[in-house]
């Protein structure tokens, strides 16, 4: 699992939260392809992500 820190709130996060936990992610050039915890996939531009850290699941 990975914790993503957005530079500002995002429609994938709740309210004013800037943090999102995903099952996995893939670097696809100018974007990250995220595998969300519900199994769905979402692409996000790299410029929106401040940091990505691996977390213990």
N, C-alpha and C. Protein backbone atom coordinates (compact mmCIF):
# COMPACT_ATOMS: atom_id res chain seq x y z
N UNK A 1 0.84 -1.18 0.00
CA UNK A 1 0.00 0.00 0.00
C UNK A 1 0.89 1.24 0.00
N UNK A 2 0.35 2.29 -0.56
CA UNK A 2 1.09 3.54 -0.68
C UNK A 2 0.21 4.71 -0.25
N UNK A 3 0.84 5.67 0.38
CA UNK A 3 0.14 6.89 0.78
C UNK A 3 0.61 8.02 -0.12
N UNK A 4 -0.32 8.63 -0.82
CA UNK A 4 -0.03 9.76 -1.69
C UNK A 4 -0.41 11.04 -0.99
N UNK A 5 0.45 12.02 -1.11
CA UNK A 5 0.18 13.34 -0.56
C UNK A 5 -0.01 14.29 -1.73
N UNK A 6 -1.23 14.80 -1.89
CA UNK A 6 -1.52 15.77 -2.95
C UNK A 6 -1.09 17.16 -2.49
N UNK A 7 -0.75 18.02 -3.43
CA UNK A 7 -0.39 19.40 -3.09
C UNK A 7 -1.58 20.18 -2.60
N UNK A 8 -2.78 19.83 -3.05
CA UNK A 8 -4.02 20.46 -2.57
C UNK A 8 -5.10 19.40 -2.56
N UNK A 9 -6.27 19.72 -2.00
CA UNK A 9 -7.33 18.72 -1.96
C UNK A 9 -7.68 18.29 -3.38
N UNK A 10 -8.14 17.07 -3.52
CA UNK A 10 -8.39 16.47 -4.82
C UNK A 10 -9.72 15.73 -4.75
N UNK A 11 -10.37 15.52 -5.88
CA UNK A 11 -11.68 14.84 -5.86
C UNK A 11 -11.58 13.39 -5.36
N UNK A 12 -10.38 12.81 -5.36
CA UNK A 12 -10.21 11.45 -4.84
C UNK A 12 -10.08 11.42 -3.32
N UNK A 13 -9.79 12.57 -2.72
CA UNK A 13 -9.67 12.65 -1.27
C UNK A 13 -10.98 13.19 -0.69
N UNK A 14 -11.16 12.99 0.60
CA UNK A 14 -12.40 13.44 1.24
C UNK A 14 -12.23 14.85 1.81
N UNK A 15 -13.14 15.73 1.44
CA UNK A 15 -13.13 17.10 1.98
C UNK A 15 -11.84 17.82 1.67
N UNK A 16 -11.23 18.37 2.71
CA UNK A 16 -9.98 19.12 2.56
C UNK A 16 -8.75 18.25 2.76
N UNK A 17 -8.96 16.94 2.86
CA UNK A 17 -7.84 16.01 3.05
C UNK A 17 -6.94 16.01 1.81
N UNK A 18 -5.64 15.94 2.03
CA UNK A 18 -4.67 15.91 0.94
C UNK A 18 -4.04 14.54 0.79
N UNK A 19 -4.48 13.55 1.56
CA UNK A 19 -3.86 12.24 1.61
C UNK A 19 -4.79 11.17 1.04
N UNK A 20 -4.21 10.24 0.28
CA UNK A 20 -4.96 9.13 -0.29
C UNK A 20 -4.12 7.86 -0.17
N UNK A 21 -4.71 6.77 0.30
CA UNK A 21 -4.03 5.48 0.37
C UNK A 21 -4.51 4.64 -0.81
N UNK A 22 -3.55 4.08 -1.56
CA UNK A 22 -3.85 3.24 -2.71
C UNK A 22 -3.16 1.90 -2.56
N UNK A 23 -3.68 0.88 -3.26
CA UNK A 23 -3.07 -0.44 -3.20
C UNK A 23 -1.75 -0.47 -3.94
N UNK A 24 -1.70 0.16 -5.10
CA UNK A 24 -0.46 0.25 -5.86
C UNK A 24 -0.56 1.38 -6.87
N UNK A 25 0.58 1.71 -7.46
CA UNK A 25 0.60 2.76 -8.49
C UNK A 25 1.65 2.40 -9.53
N UNK A 26 1.50 2.96 -10.71
CA UNK A 26 2.45 2.74 -11.79
C UNK A 26 2.77 4.08 -12.42
N UNK A 27 4.04 4.31 -12.67
CA UNK A 27 4.51 5.52 -13.33
C UNK A 27 4.34 5.33 -14.84
N UNK A 28 3.49 6.13 -15.46
CA UNK A 28 3.23 6.01 -16.90
C UNK A 28 3.55 7.33 -17.60
N UNK A 29 4.76 7.79 -17.45
CA UNK A 29 5.18 9.03 -18.11
C UNK A 29 4.84 10.25 -17.28
N UNK A 30 3.90 11.06 -17.76
CA UNK A 30 3.55 12.29 -17.06
C UNK A 30 2.45 12.07 -16.02
N UNK A 31 2.03 10.81 -15.86
CA UNK A 31 0.94 10.50 -14.93
C UNK A 31 1.28 9.28 -14.09
N UNK A 32 0.53 9.12 -13.01
CA UNK A 32 0.55 7.89 -12.23
C UNK A 32 -0.79 7.19 -12.44
N UNK A 33 -0.75 5.89 -12.67
CA UNK A 33 -1.96 5.08 -12.72
C UNK A 33 -2.11 4.46 -11.33
N UNK A 34 -3.20 4.82 -10.65
CA UNK A 34 -3.43 4.38 -9.28
C UNK A 34 -4.41 3.22 -9.25
N UNK A 35 -4.17 2.25 -8.38
CA UNK A 35 -5.14 1.20 -8.10
C UNK A 35 -5.71 1.53 -6.73
N UNK A 36 -6.96 2.00 -6.72
CA UNK A 36 -7.61 2.41 -5.48
C UNK A 36 -7.99 1.21 -4.64
N UNK A 37 -8.31 1.43 -3.38
CA UNK A 37 -8.60 0.35 -2.46
C UNK A 37 -9.86 -0.41 -2.83
N UNK A 38 -10.75 0.17 -3.63
CA UNK A 38 -11.94 -0.55 -4.07
C UNK A 38 -11.68 -1.34 -5.35
N UNK A 39 -10.42 -1.34 -5.83
CA UNK A 39 -10.04 -2.10 -7.01
C UNK A 39 -10.12 -1.33 -8.30
N UNK A 40 -10.72 -0.15 -8.29
CA UNK A 40 -10.82 0.66 -9.50
C UNK A 40 -9.48 1.32 -9.81
N UNK A 41 -9.35 1.80 -11.03
CA UNK A 41 -8.13 2.48 -11.47
C UNK A 41 -8.43 3.94 -11.76
N UNK A 42 -7.44 4.79 -11.49
CA UNK A 42 -7.59 6.22 -11.72
C UNK A 42 -6.23 6.77 -12.12
N UNK A 43 -6.19 7.61 -13.12
CA UNK A 43 -4.93 8.25 -13.48
C UNK A 43 -4.91 9.67 -12.90
N UNK A 44 -3.71 10.08 -12.48
CA UNK A 44 -3.52 11.39 -11.86
C UNK A 44 -2.22 11.98 -12.39
N UNK A 45 -2.25 13.24 -12.77
CA UNK A 45 -1.04 13.91 -13.24
C UNK A 45 0.01 14.01 -12.15
N UNK A 46 1.26 13.77 -12.51
CA UNK A 46 2.36 13.82 -11.52
C UNK A 46 2.47 15.17 -10.84
N UNK A 47 2.12 16.25 -11.54
CA UNK A 47 2.26 17.59 -10.97
C UNK A 47 1.34 17.80 -9.76
N UNK A 48 0.33 16.96 -9.59
CA UNK A 48 -0.60 17.09 -8.47
C UNK A 48 -0.11 16.38 -7.21
N UNK A 49 0.88 15.49 -7.35
CA UNK A 49 1.35 14.67 -6.24
C UNK A 49 2.60 15.29 -5.63
N UNK A 50 2.54 15.50 -4.32
CA UNK A 50 3.69 16.05 -3.60
C UNK A 50 4.67 14.95 -3.21
N UNK A 51 4.13 13.80 -2.72
CA UNK A 51 4.99 12.69 -2.32
C UNK A 51 4.20 11.38 -2.32
N UNK A 52 4.98 10.28 -2.42
CA UNK A 52 4.41 8.93 -2.33
C UNK A 52 5.29 8.14 -1.38
N UNK A 53 4.66 7.52 -0.36
CA UNK A 53 5.41 6.73 0.61
C UNK A 53 4.75 5.36 0.75
N UNK A 54 5.60 4.33 0.84
CA UNK A 54 5.09 2.99 1.06
C UNK A 54 4.64 2.88 2.53
N UNK A 55 3.48 2.25 2.74
CA UNK A 55 2.98 2.06 4.11
C UNK A 55 2.84 0.59 4.40
N UNK A 56 2.80 0.24 5.65
CA UNK A 56 2.56 -1.16 6.01
C UNK A 56 1.07 -1.41 5.90
N UNK A 57 0.70 -2.51 5.28
CA UNK A 57 -0.69 -2.81 5.02
C UNK A 57 -1.33 -3.50 6.16
